[in-house]
Structure formats: C-alpha cells, structure tokens
Amino acid sequence: MSSKKSTGSHKVDVRIAVTNISTELSFECPSEVEQIRSAVTSAIASGTALVLSDVRGREIIVPADKIGFVEIGEQVERRVGFGTD
C-alpha cells in the first residue's frame, strides 16, 4: 500500500466573497500568506483590482470595491487512519 507524500510545494487556500454574487471564489494559491494579505490590503487601500494567481497559473482579478471578504488559510496535511496522535 502506498501513500502520496507532499512534494514540498507550498499552497494556500483562498476564498473570496464578491458582493452581489451568491458563490465565492475558491482556489489554491502558490504565494505565501503574507504576500496574499499584502496584495489584498493594497488593493483595498488603493481601490485597484486584486490580482492573484492560482496553482495552475490562471489569474483571478476582483475589483477592490466588490470584495466582500477574503479568507486565507494554510493547507494542512490530512491524516489517514485511526491513530490518537
């Protein structure tokens, strides 16, 4: 039985709520949490669009005035089994 180990690539889960839209944008971003936080605060402060890339290289662009909230979370490795650790 084999298990997949992470390859060391860093991914951060990002969720963005856009005003007047019922669904949220949800994607994995290869950037660090601080880089994402900085991009969000900069876009909101300057009123320019928030531009982030996902792990597939696609760009996500959201106008700053349409951002409802941004949730940034580190991915945690999922455990398999019945261990008590």
PDB file of N, CA and C in Angstrom:
ATOM      1  N   MET A   1       0.845  -1.167   0.000  1.00  0.00           N
ATOM      2  CA  MET A   1       0.000   0.000   0.000  1.00  0.00           C
ATOM      3  C   MET A   1       0.891   1.232   0.000  1.00  0.00           C
ATOM      4  N   SER A   2       0.627   2.141  -0.910  1.00  0.00           N
ATOM      5  CA  SER A   2       1.453   3.348  -0.970  1.00  0.00           C
ATOM      6  C   SER A   2       0.624   4.561  -0.605  1.00  0.00           C
ATOM      7  N   SER A   3       1.303   5.554  -0.116  1.00  0.00           N
ATOM      8  CA  SER A   3       0.622   6.811   0.200  1.00  0.00           C
ATOM      9  C   SER A   3       1.339   7.936  -0.510  1.00  0.00           C
ATOM     10  N   LYS A   4       0.575   8.928  -0.900  1.00  0.00           N
ATOM     11  CA  LYS A   4       1.145  10.068  -1.594  1.00  0.00           C
ATOM     12  C   LYS A   4       1.726  11.046  -0.587  1.00  0.00           C
ATOM     13  N   LYS A   5       2.959  11.387  -0.739  1.00  0.00           N
ATOM     14  CA  LYS A   5       3.602  12.372   0.126  1.00  0.00           C
ATOM     15  C   LYS A   5       3.580  13.717  -0.578  1.00  0.00           C
ATOM     16  N   SER A   6       3.522  14.779   0.170  1.00  0.00           N
ATOM     17  CA  SER A   6       3.567  16.099  -0.442  1.00  0.00           C
ATOM     18  C   SER A   6       4.955  16.340  -1.021  1.00  0.00           C
ATOM     19  N   THR A   7       4.982  17.029  -2.144  1.00  0.00           N
ATOM     20  CA  THR A   7       6.238  17.245  -2.850  1.00  0.00           C
ATOM     21  C   THR A   7       6.979  18.471  -2.351  1.00  0.00           C
ATOM     22  N   GLY A   8       6.487  19.079  -1.293  1.00  0.00           N
ATOM     23  CA  GLY A   8       7.156  20.244  -0.758  1.00  0.00           C
ATOM     24  C   GLY A   8       6.651  21.548  -1.355  1.00  0.00           C
ATOM     25  N   SER A   9       5.737  21.456  -2.318  1.00  0.00           N
ATOM     26  CA  SER A   9       5.205  22.685  -2.895  1.00  0.00           C
ATOM     27  C   SER A   9       4.226  23.310  -1.908  1.00  0.00           C
ATOM     28  N   HIS A  10       4.325  24.604  -1.758  1.00  0.00           N
ATOM     29  CA  HIS A  10       3.539  25.340  -0.785  1.00  0.00           C
ATOM     30  C   HIS A  10       2.261  25.845  -1.446  1.00  0.00           C
ATOM     31  N   LYS A  11       1.109  25.548  -0.859  1.00  0.00           N
ATOM     32  CA  LYS A  11      -0.170  26.008  -1.381  1.00  0.00           C
ATOM     33  C   LYS A  11      -0.971  26.621  -0.245  1.00  0.00           C
ATOM     34  N   VAL A  12      -1.688  27.672  -0.559  1.00  0.00           N
ATOM     35  CA  VAL A  12      -2.536  28.340   0.414  1.00  0.00           C
ATOM     36  C   VAL A  12      -3.949  28.368  -0.149  1.00  0.00           C
ATOM     37  N   ASP A  13      -4.930  27.984   0.667  1.00  0.00           N
ATOM     38  CA  ASP A  13      -6.328  28.060   0.252  1.00  0.00           C
ATOM     39  C   ASP A  13      -6.805  29.495   0.383  1.00  0.00           C
ATOM     40  N   VAL A  14      -7.486  29.981  -0.658  1.00  0.00           N
ATOM     41  CA  VAL A  14      -8.011  31.347  -0.654  1.00  0.00           C
ATOM     42  C   VAL A  14      -9.488  31.293  -1.026  1.00  0.00           C
ATOM     43  N   ARG A  15     -10.316  31.999  -0.262  1.00  0.00           N
ATOM     44  CA  ARG A  15     -11.736  32.167  -0.584  1.00  0.00           C
ATOM     45  C   ARG A  15     -12.024  33.652  -0.626  1.00  0.00           C
ATOM     46  N   ILE A  16     -12.690  34.090  -1.692  1.00  0.00           N
ATOM     47  CA  ILE A  16     -13.030  35.495  -1.842  1.00  0.00           C
ATOM     48  C   ILE A  16     -14.525  35.605  -2.093  1.00  0.00           C
ATOM     49  N   ALA A  17     -15.209  36.375  -1.260  1.00  0.00           N
ATOM     50  CA  ALA A  17     -16.616  36.659  -1.482  1.00  0.00           C
ATOM     51  C   ALA A  17     -16.710  37.941  -2.301  1.00  0.00           C
ATOM     52  N   VAL A  18     -17.496  37.886  -3.353  1.00  0.00           N
ATOM     53  CA  VAL A  18     -17.694  39.046  -4.225  1.00  0.00           C
ATOM     54  C   VAL A  18     -19.099  39.562  -3.967  1.00  0.00           C
ATOM     55  N   THR A  19     -19.226  40.870  -3.746  1.00  0.00           N
ATOM     56  CA  THR A  19     -20.534  41.441  -3.434  1.00  0.00           C
ATOM     57  C   THR A  19     -21.500  41.222  -4.595  1.00  0.00           C
ATOM     58  N   ASN A  20     -22.762  40.978  -4.235  1.00  0.00           N
ATOM     59  CA  ASN A  20     -23.861  40.745  -5.174  1.00  0.00           C
ATOM     60  C   ASN A  20     -23.719  39.460  -5.982  1.00  0.00           C
ATOM     61  N   ILE A  21     -22.843  38.560  -5.561  1.00  0.00           N
ATOM     62  CA  ILE A  21     -22.684  37.248  -6.194  1.00  0.00           C
ATOM     63  C   ILE A  21     -22.870  36.205  -5.096  1.00  0.00           C
ATOM     64  N   SER A  22     -23.700  35.190  -5.346  1.00  0.00           N
ATOM     65  CA  SER A  22     -24.012  34.234  -4.277  1.00  0.00           C
ATOM     66  C   SER A  22     -22.920  33.208  -4.033  1.00  0.00           C
ATOM     67  N   THR A  23     -22.068  32.933  -5.016  1.00  0.00           N
ATOM     68  CA  THR A  23     -20.998  31.965  -4.796  1.00  0.00           C
ATOM     69  C   THR A  23     -19.677  32.679  -4.540  1.00  0.00           C
ATOM     70  N   GLU A  24     -18.771  31.966  -3.895  1.00  0.00           N
ATOM     71  CA  GLU A  24     -17.455  32.534  -3.581  1.00  0.00           C
ATOM     72  C   GLU A  24     -16.416  31.978  -4.543  1.00  0.00           C
ATOM     73  N   LEU A  25     -15.348  32.737  -4.736  1.00  0.00           N
ATOM     74  CA  LEU A  25     -14.199  32.249  -5.490  1.00  0.00           C
ATOM     75  C   LEU A  25     -13.348  31.460  -4.517  1.00  0.00           C
ATOM     76  N   SER A  26     -13.000  30.246  -4.870  1.00  0.00           N
ATOM     77  CA  SER A  26     -12.201  29.399  -4.000  1.00  0.00           C
ATOM     78  C   SER A  26     -11.126  28.739  -4.851  1.00  0.00           C
ATOM     79  N   PHE A  27      -9.859  28.918  -4.438  1.00  0.00           N
ATOM     80  CA  PHE A  27      -8.757  28.376  -5.219  1.00  0.00           C
ATOM     81  C   PHE A  27      -7.523  28.209  -4.348  1.00  0.00           C
ATOM     82  N   GLU A  28      -6.537  27.467  -4.877  1.00  0.00           N
ATOM     83  CA  GLU A  28      -5.257  27.281  -4.204  1.00  0.00           C
ATOM     84  C   GLU A  28      -4.255  28.235  -4.825  1.00  0.00           C
ATOM     85  N   CYS A  29      -3.533  28.935  -3.986  1.00  0.00           N
ATOM     86  CA  CYS A  29      -2.569  29.935  -4.437  1.00  0.00           C
ATOM     87  C   CYS A  29      -1.161  29.504  -4.012  1.00  0.00           C
ATOM     88  N   PRO A  30      -0.183  29.618  -4.921  1.00  0.00           N
ATOM     89  CA  PRO A  30       1.181  29.212  -4.570  1.00  0.00           C
ATOM     90  C   PRO A  30       1.939  30.259  -3.750  1.00  0.00           C
ATOM     91  N   SER A  31       1.357  31.438  -3.541  1.00  0.00           N
ATOM     92  CA  SER A  31       2.014  32.514  -2.794  1.00  0.00           C
ATOM     93  C   SER A  31       1.970  32.259  -1.294  1.00  0.00           C
ATOM     94  N   GLU A  32       2.803  32.973  -0.564  1.00  0.00           N
ATOM     95  CA  GLU A  32       2.813  32.909   0.895  1.00  0.00           C
ATOM     96  C   GLU A  32       1.627  33.702   1.446  1.00  0.00           C
ATOM     97  N   VAL A  33       1.202  33.374   2.664  1.00  0.00           N
ATOM     98  CA  VAL A  33       0.075  34.050   3.309  1.00  0.00           C
ATOM     99  C   VAL A  33       0.318  35.555   3.380  1.00  0.00           C
ATOM    100  N   GLU A  34       1.511  35.971   3.772  1.00  0.00           N
ATOM    101  CA  GLU A  34       1.816  37.401   3.897  1.00  0.00           C
ATOM    102  C   GLU A  34       1.744  38.126   2.560  1.00  0.00           C
ATOM    103  N   GLN A  35       2.153  37.464   1.472  1.00  0.00           N
ATOM    104  CA  GLN A  35       2.066  38.073   0.141  1.00  0.00           C
ATOM    105  C   GLN A  35       0.613  38.284  -0.267  1.00  0.00           C
ATOM    106  N   ILE A  36      -0.236  37.311   0.026  1.00  0.00           N
ATOM    107  CA  ILE A  36      -1.658  37.423  -0.304  1.00  0.00           C
ATOM    108  C   ILE A  36      -2.295  38.524   0.523  1.00  0.00           C
ATOM    109  N   ARG A  37      -2.011  38.527   1.828  1.00  0.00           N
ATOM    110  CA  ARG A  37      -2.562  39.559   2.720  1.00  0.00           C
ATOM    111  C   ARG A  37      -2.140  40.952   2.253  1.00  0.00           C
ATOM    112  N   SER A  38      -0.897  41.100   1.870  1.00  0.00           N
ATOM    113  CA  SER A  38      -0.387  42.378   1.386  1.00  0.00           C
ATOM    114  C   SER A  38      -1.091  42.803   0.098  1.00  0.00           C
ATOM    115  N   ALA A  39      -1.295  41.874  -0.822  1.00  0.00           N
ATOM    116  CA  ALA A  39      -1.983  42.185  -2.085  1.00  0.00           C
ATOM    117  C   ALA A  39      -3.421  42.619  -1.835  1.00  0.00           C
ATOM    118  N   VAL A  40      -4.098  41.949  -0.893  1.00  0.00           N
ATOM    119  CA  VAL A  40      -5.488  42.292  -0.569  1.00  0.00           C
ATOM    120  C   VAL A  40      -5.567  43.675   0.064  1.00  0.00           C
ATOM    121  N   THR A  41      -4.748  43.936   1.083  1.00  0.00           N
ATOM    122  CA  THR A  41      -4.805  45.240   1.754  1.00  0.00           C
ATOM    123  C   THR A  41      -4.393  46.372   0.819  1.00  0.00           C
ATOM    124  N   SER A  42      -3.437  46.124  -0.049  1.00  0.00           N
ATOM    125  CA  SER A  42      -3.002  47.129  -1.012  1.00  0.00           C
ATOM    126  C   SER A  42      -4.111  47.453  -2.010  1.00  0.00           C
ATOM    127  N   ALA A  43      -4.780  46.407  -2.510  1.00  0.00           N
ATOM    128  CA  ALA A  43      -5.872  46.620  -3.469  1.00  0.00           C
ATOM    129  C   ALA A  43      -7.020  47.401  -2.838  1.00  0.00           C
ATOM    130  N   ILE A  44      -7.370  47.051  -1.605  1.00  0.00           N
ATOM    131  CA  ILE A  44      -8.470  47.741  -0.923  1.00  0.00           C
ATOM    132  C   ILE A  44      -8.088  49.188  -0.629  1.00  0.00           C
ATOM    133  N   ALA A  45      -6.880  49.416  -0.149  1.00  0.00           N
ATOM    134  CA  ALA A  45      -6.436  50.771   0.200  1.00  0.00           C
ATOM    135  C   ALA A  45      -6.351  51.680  -1.025  1.00  0.00           C
ATOM    136  N   SER A  46      -5.890  51.142  -2.144  1.00  0.00           N
ATOM    137  CA  SER A  46      -5.712  51.973  -3.344  1.00  0.00           C
ATOM    138  C   SER A  46      -6.930  51.971  -4.264  1.00  0.00           C
ATOM    139  N   GLY A  47      -7.862  51.042  -4.027  1.00  0.00           N
ATOM    140  CA  GLY A  47      -9.051  50.968  -4.870  1.00  0.00           C
ATOM    141  C   GLY A  47      -8.797  50.303  -6.215  1.00  0.00           C
ATOM    142  N   THR A  48      -7.661  49.635  -6.351  1.00  0.00           N
ATOM    143  CA  THR A  48      -7.350  48.945  -7.600  1.00  0.00           C
ATOM    144  C   THR A  48      -7.787  47.480  -7.500  1.00  0.00           C
ATOM    145  N   ALA A  49      -7.773  46.786  -8.606  1.00  0.00           N
ATOM    146  CA  ALA A  49      -8.197  45.389  -8.636  1.00  0.00           C
ATOM    147  C   ALA A  49      -7.220  44.494  -7.884  1.00  0.00           C
ATOM    148  N   LEU A  50      -7.769  43.479  -7.221  1.00  0.00           N
ATOM    149  CA  LEU A  50      -6.963  42.454  -6.578  1.00  0.00           C
ATOM    150  C   LEU A  50      -6.637  41.412  -7.641  1.00  0.00           C
ATOM    151  N   VAL A  51      -5.358  41.149  -7.840  1.00  0.00           N
ATOM    152  CA  VAL A  51      -4.924  40.172  -8.840  1.00  0.00           C
ATOM    153  C   VAL A  51      -4.101  39.098  -8.140  1.00  0.00           C
ATOM    154  N   LEU A  52      -4.592  37.850  -8.191  1.00  0.00           N
ATOM    155  CA  LEU A  52      -3.888  36.708  -7.627  1.00  0.00           C
ATOM    156  C   LEU A  52      -3.828  35.606  -8.681  1.00  0.00           C
ATOM    157  N   SER A  53      -2.861  34.728  -8.562  1.00  0.00           N
ATOM    158  CA  SER A  53      -2.743  33.583  -9.466  1.00  0.00           C
ATOM    159  C   SER A  53      -3.016  32.308  -8.701  1.00  0.00           C
ATOM    160  N   ASP A  54      -3.615  31.320  -9.380  1.00  0.00           N
ATOM    161  CA  ASP A  54      -3.817  30.029  -8.740  1.00  0.00           C
ATOM    162  C   ASP A  54      -2.663  29.094  -9.078  1.00  0.00           C
ATOM    163  N   VAL A  55      -2.696  27.879  -8.555  1.00  0.00           N
ATOM    164  CA  VAL A  55      -1.590  26.940  -8.741  1.00  0.00           C
ATOM    165  C   VAL A  55      -1.462  26.470 -10.188  1.00  0.00           C
ATOM    166  N   ARG A  56      -2.477  26.689 -10.997  1.00  0.00           N
ATOM    167  CA  ARG A  56      -2.434  26.310 -12.416  1.00  0.00           C
ATOM    168  C   ARG A  56      -1.967  27.450 -13.307  1.00  0.00           C
ATOM    169  N   GLY A  57      -1.674  28.594 -12.697  1.00  0.00           N
ATOM    170  CA  GLY A  57      -1.183  29.738 -13.459  1.00  0.00           C
ATOM    171  C   GLY A  57      -2.268  30.665 -13.965  1.00  0.00           C
ATOM    172  N   ARG A  58      -3.522  30.411 -13.623  1.00  0.00           N
ATOM    173  CA  ARG A  58      -4.611  31.298 -14.041  1.00  0.00           C
ATOM    174  C   ARG A  58      -4.669  32.504 -13.119  1.00  0.00           C
ATOM    175  N   GLU A  59      -5.059  33.646 -13.663  1.00  0.00           N
ATOM    176  CA  GLU A  59      -5.179  34.865 -12.856  1.00  0.00           C
ATOM    177  C   GLU A  59      -6.618  35.079 -12.419  1.00  0.00           C
ATOM    178  N   ILE A  60      -6.778  35.462 -11.169  1.00  0.00           N
ATOM    179  CA  ILE A  60      -8.073  35.823 -10.613  1.00  0.00           C
ATOM    180  C   ILE A  60      -8.015  37.317 -10.352  1.00  0.00           C
ATOM    181  N   ILE A  61      -8.939  38.060 -10.959  1.00  0.00           N
ATOM    182  CA  ILE A  61      -8.957  39.515 -10.826  1.00  0.00           C
ATOM    183  C   ILE A  61     -10.321  39.923 -10.265  1.00  0.00           C
ATOM    184  N   VAL A  62     -10.297  40.625  -9.144  1.00  0.00           N
ATOM    185  CA  VAL A  62     -11.523  41.081  -8.492  1.00  0.00           C
ATOM    186  C   VAL A  62     -11.397  42.576  -8.227  1.00  0.00           C
ATOM    187  N   PRO A  63     -12.364  43.383  -8.684  1.00  0.00           N
ATOM    188  CA  PRO A  63     -12.332  44.814  -8.369  1.00  0.00           C
ATOM    189  C   PRO A  63     -12.369  45.020  -6.848  1.00  0.00           C
ATOM    190  N   ALA A  64     -11.561  45.912  -6.343  1.00  0.00           N
ATOM    191  CA  ALA A  64     -11.445  46.132  -4.892  1.00  0.00           C
ATOM    192  C   ALA A  64     -12.785  46.483  -4.255  1.00  0.00           C
ATOM    193  N   ASP A  65     -13.612  47.256  -4.943  1.00  0.00           N
ATOM    194  CA  ASP A  65     -14.889  47.671  -4.356  1.00  0.00           C
ATOM    195  C   ASP A  65     -15.929  46.554  -4.358  1.00  0.00           C
ATOM    196  N   LYS A  66     -15.613  45.415  -4.949  1.00  0.00           N
ATOM    197  CA  LYS A  66     -16.530  44.270  -4.972  1.00  0.00           C
ATOM    198  C   LYS A  66     -16.126  43.160  -4.001  1.00  0.00           C
ATOM    199  N   ILE A  67     -15.020  43.359  -3.270  1.00  0.00           N
ATOM    200  CA  ILE A  67     -14.557  42.342  -2.320  1.00  0.00           C
ATOM    201  C   ILE A  67     -15.415  42.393  -1.060  1.00  0.00           C
ATOM    202  N   GLY A  68     -16.086  41.261  -0.756  1.00  0.00           N
ATOM    203  CA  GLY A  68     -16.865  41.152   0.474  1.00  0.00           C
ATOM    204  C   GLY A  68     -15.968  40.746   1.632  1.00  0.00           C
ATOM    205  N   PHE A  69     -15.248  39.655   1.452  1.00  0.00           N
ATOM    206  CA  PHE A  69     -14.238  39.223   2.409  1.00  0.00           C
ATOM    207  C   PHE A  69     -13.244  38.327   1.701  1.00  0.00           C
ATOM    208  N   VAL A  70     -12.095  38.166   2.323  1.00  0.00           N
ATOM    209  CA  VAL A  70     -11.059  37.259   1.817  1.00  0.00           C
ATOM    210  C   VAL A  70     -10.639  36.373   2.977  1.00  0.00           C
ATOM    211  N   GLU A  71     -10.698  35.073   2.756  1.00  0.00           N
ATOM    212  CA  GLU A  71     -10.259  34.112   3.764  1.00  0.00           C
ATOM    213  C   GLU A  71      -8.999  33.438   3.242  1.00  0.00           C
ATOM    214  N   ILE A  72      -7.946  33.477   4.051  1.00  0.00           N
ATOM    215  CA  ILE A  72      -6.655  32.908   3.671  1.00  0.00           C
ATOM    216  C   ILE A  72      -6.314  31.830   4.689  1.00  0.00           C
ATOM    217  N   GLY A  73      -6.016  30.628   4.214  1.00  0.00           N
ATOM    218  CA  GLY A  73      -5.694  29.542   5.138  1.00  0.00           C
ATOM    219  C   GLY A  73      -4.633  28.618   4.599  1.00  0.00           C
ATOM    220  N   GLU A  74      -3.707  28.263   5.456  1.00  0.00           N
ATOM    221  CA  GLU A  74      -2.665  27.299   5.101  1.00  0.00           C
ATOM    222  C   GLU A  74      -3.303  25.923   4.962  1.00  0.00           C
ATOM    223  N   GLN A  75      -2.835  25.145   4.012  1.00  0.00           N
ATOM    224  CA  GLN A  75      -3.303  23.771   3.883  1.00  0.00           C
ATOM    225  C   GLN A  75      -2.626  22.913   4.932  1.00  0.00           C
ATOM    226  N   VAL A  76      -3.399  22.037   5.530  1.00  0.00           N
ATOM    227  CA  VAL A  76      -2.837  21.103   6.489  1.00  0.00           C
ATOM    228  C   VAL A  76      -2.887  19.707   5.892  1.00  0.00           C
ATOM    229  N   GLU A  77      -1.875  18.914   6.186  1.00  0.00           N
ATOM    230  CA  GLU A  77      -1.824  17.564   5.657  1.00  0.00           C
ATOM    231  C   GLU A  77      -2.873  16.721   6.355  1.00  0.00           C
ATOM    232  N   ARG A  78      -3.664  16.001   5.569  1.00  0.00           N
ATOM    233  CA  ARG A  78      -4.721  15.168   6.122  1.00  0.00           C
ATOM    234  C   ARG A  78      -4.125  13.860   6.623  1.00  0.00           C
ATOM    235  N   ARG A  79      -4.577  13.459   7.777  1.00  0.00           N
ATOM    236  CA  ARG A  79      -4.112  12.187   8.356  1.00  0.00           C
ATOM    237  C   ARG A  79      -5.075  11.080   7.976  1.00  0.00           C
ATOM    238  N   VAL A  80      -4.524   9.900   7.798  1.00  0.00           N
ATOM    239  CA  VAL A  80      -5.331   8.741   7.448  1.00  0.00           C
ATOM    240  C   VAL A  80      -5.106   7.686   8.521  1.00  0.00           C
ATOM    241  N   GLY A  81      -6.172   7.077   8.983  1.00  0.00           N
ATOM    242  CA  GLY A  81      -6.030   6.020   9.963  1.00  0.00           C
ATOM    243  C   GLY A  81      -6.764   6.318  11.245  1.00  0.00           C
ATOM    244  N   PHE A  82      -6.507   5.488  12.219  1.00  0.00           N
ATOM    245  CA  PHE A  82      -7.210   5.598  13.491  1.00  0.00           C
ATOM    246  C   PHE A  82      -6.292   5.944  14.650  1.00  0.00           C
ATOM    247  N   GLY A  83      -5.151   6.527  14.378  1.00  0.00           N
ATOM    248  CA  GLY A  83      -4.200   6.891  15.418  1.00  0.00           C
ATOM    249  C   GLY A  83      -4.744   7.967  16.334  1.00  0.00           C
ATOM    250  N   THR A  84      -4.229   8.041  17.532  1.00  0.00           N
ATOM    251  CA  THR A  84      -4.691   9.041  18.505  1.00  0.00           C
ATOM    252  C   THR A  84      -3.770  10.254  18.571  1.00  0.00           C
ATOM    253  N   ASP A  85      -2.780  10.350  17.687  1.00  0.00           N
ATOM    254  CA  ASP A  85      -1.829  11.489  17.706  1.00  0.00           C
ATOM    255  C   ASP A  85      -2.499  12.740  17.283  1.00  0.00           C
TER     256      ASP A  85
END
